[in-house]
């Protein structure tokens, strides 16, 4: 896998003895995986266009994208902040364990971005959106600090699903509890995240890690799983995501373009997952599956945006 792909997945850059200002700035930019920074706002955007059957005013749309990006950045950066000691063993090239970003600098930036996200939500959107965002941030912090190590990785998907609900509530709060569609989107997002994180799970049980460090691997859901079992569960959730994605046009006005993109990228993602299942301790295959499933979700929500755009022309 090339350096650009590794950078996009947030696996860091090559370590050096001394870092220039440019190195440190680049390290700060990699504190959060760029793929996540892109996925979070675009997931919310897909819910927005389906909630109003079109595109919102561009000014408010941009503010919404910034709000979600800031919240996503802060929560993901907090996760890396709390994982900095473990990452010295598993992902030593990441920004914090490599020393490219100072620990205190990261913490201050996390607090600032989360506060800014909440302020933007409060002043530019509505109470429902603010409550959902506040809940997502609070649960995201609890996940990184406690839930992941006590309950497990699968405590994250219900939290991530709130991104879709928040996007819907931002522009159509009055229909949040009168329509099935926002909750269908919630479970669709939840299902994808569950599959995605289970595919990611074995990447923490890679060759070369001592038993002592393996014992620190967080559980999947109260129990630590073998790599093969985790990938198998991940594929199951991605299959469910694939089915739900195909059903979505029944509940909305999406058409054949959306379906074509979903089918092609879904098959690609599932194929990469099945290949990884055959060799679940192969880090390269794991990263490929992880990136393929990221691409599947990115393509799915992009297909929603494109389909709605074309229908309005």
Protein backbone atom coordinates (compact mmCIF):
# COMPACT_ATOMS: atom_id res chain seq x y z
CA UNK A 1 0.00 0.00 0.00
CA UNK A 2 1.48 3.36 -1.00
CA UNK A 3 2.25 6.25 1.33
CA UNK A 4 -0.77 8.30 0.25
CA UNK A 5 -3.15 5.47 1.15
CA UNK A 6 -1.46 5.00 4.53
CA UNK A 7 -1.72 8.72 5.16
CA UNK A 8 -5.44 8.73 4.30
CA UNK A 9 -6.03 5.86 6.72
CA UNK A 10 -4.31 7.81 9.46
CA UNK A 11 -1.43 5.40 9.96
CA UNK A 12 1.09 8.20 10.12
CA UNK A 13 4.29 9.14 8.35
CA UNK A 14 7.88 7.98 8.58
CA UNK A 15 9.55 8.73 11.91
CA UNK A 16 12.55 11.08 12.06
CA UNK A 17 15.03 12.14 14.71
CA UNK A 18 14.16 15.79 14.31
CA UNK A 19 11.04 17.37 12.86
CA UNK A 20 10.88 20.65 10.99
CA UNK A 21 7.94 23.05 11.32
CA UNK A 22 6.51 21.58 8.11
CA UNK A 23 6.86 18.05 9.52
CA UNK A 24 5.02 19.05 12.68
CA UNK A 25 2.25 20.76 10.72
CA UNK A 26 1.83 17.70 8.53
CA UNK A 27 1.76 15.55 11.66
CA UNK A 28 -1.02 17.72 13.07
CA UNK A 29 -2.99 17.25 9.85
CA UNK A 30 -2.63 13.46 10.20
CA UNK A 31 -3.78 13.43 13.82
CA UNK A 32 -7.17 12.39 12.44
CA UNK A 33 -7.36 9.99 9.47
CA UNK A 34 -8.38 12.10 6.44
CA UNK A 35 -10.78 9.36 5.33
CA UNK A 36 -12.75 9.83 8.57
CA UNK A 37 -12.66 13.60 8.26
CA UNK A 38 -14.28 13.19 4.83
CA UNK A 39 -16.75 10.45 5.74
CA UNK A 40 -18.28 12.22 8.75
CA UNK A 41 -19.55 15.38 6.98
CA UNK A 42 -20.60 13.52 3.84
CA UNK A 43 -22.65 11.04 5.90
CA UNK A 44 -24.50 13.96 7.46
CA UNK A 45 -24.93 15.56 4.03
CA UNK A 46 -26.65 12.48 2.63
CA UNK A 47 -29.20 12.65 5.45
CA UNK A 48 -29.72 16.36 4.80
CA UNK A 49 -30.61 16.03 1.10
CA UNK A 50 -32.97 13.13 1.80
CA UNK A 51 -34.65 15.05 4.63
CA UNK A 52 -35.63 17.97 2.39
CA UNK A 53 -35.64 16.21 -0.99
CA UNK A 54 -32.94 18.49 -2.36
CA UNK A 55 -30.03 20.72 -1.49
CA UNK A 56 -30.11 23.35 1.28
CA UNK A 57 -28.81 26.92 0.82
CA UNK A 58 -25.07 26.69 0.17
CA UNK A 59 -24.08 29.07 2.94
CA UNK A 60 -25.83 27.04 5.61
CA UNK A 61 -24.66 23.80 4.01
CA UNK A 62 -21.03 24.89 4.32
CA UNK A 63 -21.54 25.83 7.98
CA UNK A 64 -23.08 22.41 8.55
CA UNK A 65 -20.14 20.64 6.92
CA UNK A 66 -17.69 22.62 9.08
CA UNK A 67 -19.71 21.84 12.22
CA UNK A 68 -19.70 18.10 11.59
CA UNK A 69 -16.05 18.10 10.52
CA UNK A 70 -15.01 19.87 13.73
CA UNK A 71 -16.98 17.43 15.90
CA UNK A 72 -15.61 14.43 14.02
CA UNK A 73 -12.07 15.79 14.19
CA UNK A 74 -12.29 16.39 17.93
CA UNK A 75 -13.69 12.96 18.78
CA UNK A 76 -11.23 11.09 16.53
CA UNK A 77 -8.30 13.13 17.82
CA UNK A 78 -9.34 12.36 21.40
CA UNK A 79 -9.27 8.67 20.56
CA UNK A 80 -5.69 9.02 19.31
CA UNK A 81 -4.78 11.11 22.36
CA UNK A 82 -5.98 8.37 24.72
CA UNK A 83 -4.33 5.66 22.60
CA UNK A 84 -0.93 7.34 22.41
CA UNK A 85 0.87 4.82 24.67
CA UNK A 86 -0.62 1.78 22.97
CA UNK A 87 0.13 3.26 19.54
CA UNK A 88 3.84 3.37 20.40
CA UNK A 89 3.71 -0.40 19.87
CA UNK A 90 1.00 -0.82 17.22
CA UNK A 91 1.13 2.38 15.13
CA UNK A 92 4.40 4.16 16.10
CA UNK A 93 4.29 6.38 13.00
CA UNK A 94 1.12 8.16 14.12
CA UNK A 95 1.35 11.82 15.03
CA UNK A 96 1.42 11.51 18.83
CA UNK A 97 3.61 8.42 19.42
CA UNK A 98 6.06 9.66 16.77
CA UNK A 99 6.42 13.02 18.53
CA UNK A 100 5.32 15.04 15.50
CA UNK A 101 2.53 16.55 17.64
CA UNK A 102 2.94 17.42 21.31
CA UNK A 103 0.43 15.81 23.66
CA UNK A 104 -0.69 19.12 25.18
CA UNK A 105 -1.12 20.67 21.74
CA UNK A 106 -3.39 17.82 20.72
CA UNK A 107 -5.50 18.10 23.87
CA UNK A 108 -6.00 21.86 23.49
CA UNK A 109 -6.99 21.47 19.84
CA UNK A 110 -9.51 18.76 20.79
CA UNK A 111 -11.24 20.96 23.36
CA UNK A 112 -11.34 23.96 21.01
CA UNK A 113 -12.78 22.04 18.03
CA UNK A 114 -15.51 20.36 20.10
CA UNK A 115 -16.58 23.67 21.66
CA UNK A 116 -16.62 25.35 18.24
CA UNK A 117 -18.78 22.56 16.81
CA UNK A 118 -21.35 22.96 19.58
CA UNK A 119 -21.41 26.75 19.23
CA UNK A 120 -21.99 26.54 15.47
CA UNK A 121 -24.82 24.06 16.01
CA UNK A 122 -26.45 26.27 18.65
CA UNK A 123 -26.30 29.53 16.70
CA UNK A 124 -26.93 28.34 13.14
CA UNK A 125 -29.24 25.33 13.45
CA UNK A 126 -31.84 24.20 16.00
CA UNK A 127 -32.34 22.62 19.40
CA UNK A 128 -32.80 19.09 18.06
CA UNK A 129 -29.54 19.27 16.11
CA UNK A 130 -27.69 20.69 19.12
CA UNK A 131 -28.99 17.95 21.44
CA UNK A 132 -28.01 15.19 19.01
CA UNK A 133 -24.56 16.71 18.46
CA UNK A 134 -24.02 17.16 22.21
CA UNK A 135 -25.10 13.55 22.78
CA UNK A 136 -22.79 12.30 20.02
CA UNK A 137 -19.81 14.23 21.42
CA UNK A 138 -20.52 13.13 25.01
CA UNK A 139 -20.90 9.48 24.06
CA UNK A 140 -17.88 9.73 21.75
CA UNK A 141 -15.76 10.97 24.65
CA UNK A 142 -17.12 8.21 26.91
CA UNK A 143 -16.38 5.65 24.20
CA UNK A 144 -12.75 6.68 23.89
CA UNK A 145 -12.24 7.00 27.64
CA UNK A 146 -14.26 4.05 28.99
CA UNK A 147 -16.75 2.24 26.78
CA UNK A 148 -14.26 0.82 24.28
CA UNK A 149 -12.10 -0.82 26.95
CA UNK A 150 -15.02 -1.95 29.13
CA UNK A 151 -17.80 -2.81 26.66
CA UNK A 152 -15.85 -3.04 23.43
CA UNK A 153 -15.58 -1.72 19.89
CA UNK A 154 -19.22 -2.49 19.11
CA UNK A 155 -20.34 0.20 21.55
CA UNK A 156 -19.23 2.73 18.89
CA UNK A 157 -21.73 2.07 16.03
CA UNK A 158 -24.84 3.36 17.90
CA UNK A 159 -22.90 6.57 18.58
CA UNK A 160 -21.69 7.03 15.00
CA UNK A 161 -25.23 6.50 13.71
CA UNK A 162 -26.16 9.79 15.38
CA UNK A 163 -24.32 11.58 12.54
CA UNK A 164 -27.20 10.77 10.19
CA UNK A 165 -29.83 11.79 12.72
CA UNK A 166 -28.02 15.07 13.35
CA UNK A 167 -27.85 15.82 9.65
CA UNK A 168 -31.56 15.13 9.27
CA UNK A 169 -32.47 17.23 12.32
CA UNK A 170 -30.38 20.19 11.11
CA UNK A 171 -32.77 20.94 8.25
CA UNK A 172 -35.94 18.96 8.98
CA UNK A 173 -36.36 18.63 12.76
CA UNK A 174 -40.16 18.52 12.51
CA UNK A 175 -40.04 15.17 10.62
CA UNK A 176 -37.47 13.46 12.85
CA UNK A 177 -40.19 11.51 14.68
CA UNK A 178 -42.84 11.44 11.97
CA UNK A 179 -40.83 9.64 9.27
CA UNK A 180 -39.21 6.21 9.19
CA UNK A 181 -36.43 7.36 6.87
CA UNK A 182 -34.12 9.13 9.39
CA UNK A 183 -34.17 6.04 11.62
CA UNK A 184 -33.56 3.77 8.65
CA UNK A 185 -30.52 5.91 7.82
CA UNK A 186 -29.44 5.65 11.47
CA UNK A 187 -29.48 1.84 11.38
CA UNK A 188 -27.84 1.80 7.95
CA UNK A 189 -24.97 3.90 9.31
CA UNK A 190 -24.84 1.81 12.49
CA UNK A 191 -24.61 -1.41 10.49
CA UNK A 192 -21.80 -0.12 8.28
CA UNK A 193 -19.83 1.16 11.26
CA UNK A 194 -20.19 -2.19 13.05
CA UNK A 195 -18.81 -4.02 10.01
CA UNK A 196 -16.08 -1.45 9.44
CA UNK A 197 -14.81 -1.53 13.01
CA UNK A 198 -14.83 -5.35 13.15
CA UNK A 199 -12.69 -5.44 10.02
CA UNK A 200 -10.38 -2.96 11.77
CA UNK A 201 -10.30 -5.04 14.97
CA UNK A 202 -7.67 -7.63 13.89
CA UNK A 203 -5.25 -4.84 12.98
CA UNK A 204 -4.63 -4.57 16.73
CA UNK A 205 -3.66 -8.25 16.91
CA UNK A 206 -0.82 -8.18 14.42
CA UNK A 207 2.32 -10.36 14.43
CA UNK A 208 5.18 -9.10 16.58
CA UNK A 209 3.08 -7.87 19.50
CA UNK A 210 3.85 -9.57 22.80
CA UNK A 211 1.26 -11.45 24.81
CA UNK A 212 1.31 -8.66 27.37
CA UNK A 213 0.26 -6.12 24.78
CA UNK A 214 -2.24 -8.47 23.19
CA UNK A 215 -3.94 -8.73 26.56
CA UNK A 216 -4.65 -5.01 26.30
CA UNK A 217 -6.64 -5.45 23.11
CA UNK A 218 -10.14 -4.03 23.78
CA UNK A 219 -13.06 -6.47 23.56
CA UNK A 220 -15.44 -6.51 20.64
CA UNK A 221 -18.48 -6.66 22.91
CA UNK A 222 -17.38 -7.65 26.42
CA UNK A 223 -15.22 -10.44 24.94
CA UNK A 224 -11.91 -10.33 23.08
CA UNK A 225 -12.35 -12.13 19.77
CA UNK A 226 -9.98 -14.00 17.53
CA UNK A 227 -9.03 -12.20 14.33
CA UNK A 228 -11.02 -14.63 12.18
CA UNK A 229 -14.18 -14.34 14.27
CA UNK A 230 -13.96 -10.52 14.24
CA UNK A 231 -13.61 -10.41 10.45
CA UNK A 232 -16.47 -12.88 10.06
CA UNK A 233 -18.73 -10.66 12.18
CA UNK A 234 -17.57 -7.65 10.20
CA UNK A 235 -18.52 -9.30 6.90
CA UNK A 236 -21.93 -10.17 8.35
CA UNK A 237 -22.61 -6.54 9.20
CA UNK A 238 -21.38 -5.37 5.80
CA UNK A 239 -23.75 -7.85 4.13
CA UNK A 240 -26.57 -6.31 6.19
CA UNK A 241 -25.40 -2.83 5.15
CA UNK A 242 -25.41 -3.94 1.51
CA UNK A 243 -29.00 -5.18 1.78
CA UNK A 244 -30.20 -2.07 3.63
CA UNK A 245 -28.50 0.15 1.02
CA UNK A 246 -30.37 -1.63 -1.75
CA UNK A 247 -33.68 -1.28 0.13
CA UNK A 248 -33.18 2.49 0.67
CA UNK A 249 -34.70 3.54 -2.73
CA UNK A 250 -38.00 1.94 -1.65
CA UNK A 251 -38.24 4.49 1.16
CA UNK A 252 -36.93 7.43 -0.87
CA UNK A 253 -36.80 8.84 -4.37
CA UNK A 254 -33.38 7.41 -5.20
CA UNK A 255 -33.03 5.71 -8.58
CA UNK A 256 -30.92 3.41 -10.72
CA UNK A 257 -27.75 5.49 -10.59
CA UNK A 258 -27.65 5.15 -6.82
CA UNK A 259 -28.29 1.39 -7.06
CA UNK A 260 -25.57 0.86 -9.64
CA UNK A 261 -22.95 2.59 -7.51
CA UNK A 262 -24.02 0.70 -4.38
CA UNK A 263 -23.90 -2.70 -6.08
CA UNK A 264 -20.46 -2.15 -7.65
CA UNK A 265 -18.75 -0.71 -4.58
CA UNK A 266 -20.56 -3.09 -2.23
CA UNK A 267 -19.32 -6.14 -4.10
CA UNK A 268 -15.81 -4.68 -4.11
CA UNK A 269 -15.92 -4.10 -0.35
CA UNK A 270 -17.30 -7.55 0.41
CA UNK A 271 -14.70 -9.19 -1.84
CA UNK A 272 -11.87 -7.45 0.02
CA UNK A 273 -13.41 -8.53 3.32
CA UNK A 274 -13.67 -12.18 2.23
CA UNK A 275 -10.05 -12.15 1.06
CA UNK A 276 -9.04 -10.81 4.47
CA UNK A 277 -11.12 -13.51 6.19
CA UNK A 278 -8.94 -16.17 4.61
CA UNK A 279 -5.82 -14.60 6.12
CA UNK A 280 -7.05 -12.46 9.06
CA UNK A 281 -3.60 -11.73 10.51
CA UNK A 282 -2.30 -10.27 7.24
CA UNK A 283 -1.98 -6.55 7.93
CA UNK A 284 -1.82 -5.55 4.24
CA UNK A 285 -5.01 -7.45 3.42
CA UNK A 286 -6.64 -5.95 6.51
CA UNK A 287 -5.76 -2.42 5.48
CA UNK A 288 -7.01 -3.11 1.97
CA UNK A 289 -10.33 -4.43 3.31
CA UNK A 290 -10.61 -1.50 5.69
CA UNK A 291 -10.02 1.02 2.89
CA UNK A 292 -12.39 -0.86 0.53
CA UNK A 293 -15.21 -0.69 3.07
CA UNK A 294 -14.46 2.99 3.66
CA UNK A 295 -14.75 3.47 -0.11
CA UNK A 296 -18.05 1.55 -0.11
CA UNK A 297 -19.58 3.87 2.46
CA UNK A 298 -18.12 6.97 0.82
CA UNK A 299 -19.46 5.89 -2.57
CA UNK A 300 -22.88 5.10 -1.12
CA UNK A 301 -23.43 8.52 0.42
CA UNK A 302 -21.86 10.22 -2.62
CA UNK A 303 -24.36 8.30 -4.77
CA UNK A 304 -27.21 9.72 -2.67
CA UNK A 305 -25.91 13.26 -3.19
CA UNK A 306 -25.38 12.70 -6.93
CA UNK A 307 -28.74 11.01 -7.48
CA UNK A 308 -30.64 13.80 -5.72
CA UNK A 309 -28.64 16.45 -7.63
CA UNK A 310 -29.39 14.88 -11.02
CA UNK A 311 -33.10 14.51 -10.17
CA UNK A 312 -33.28 18.27 -9.64
CA UNK A 313 -31.73 19.20 -12.98
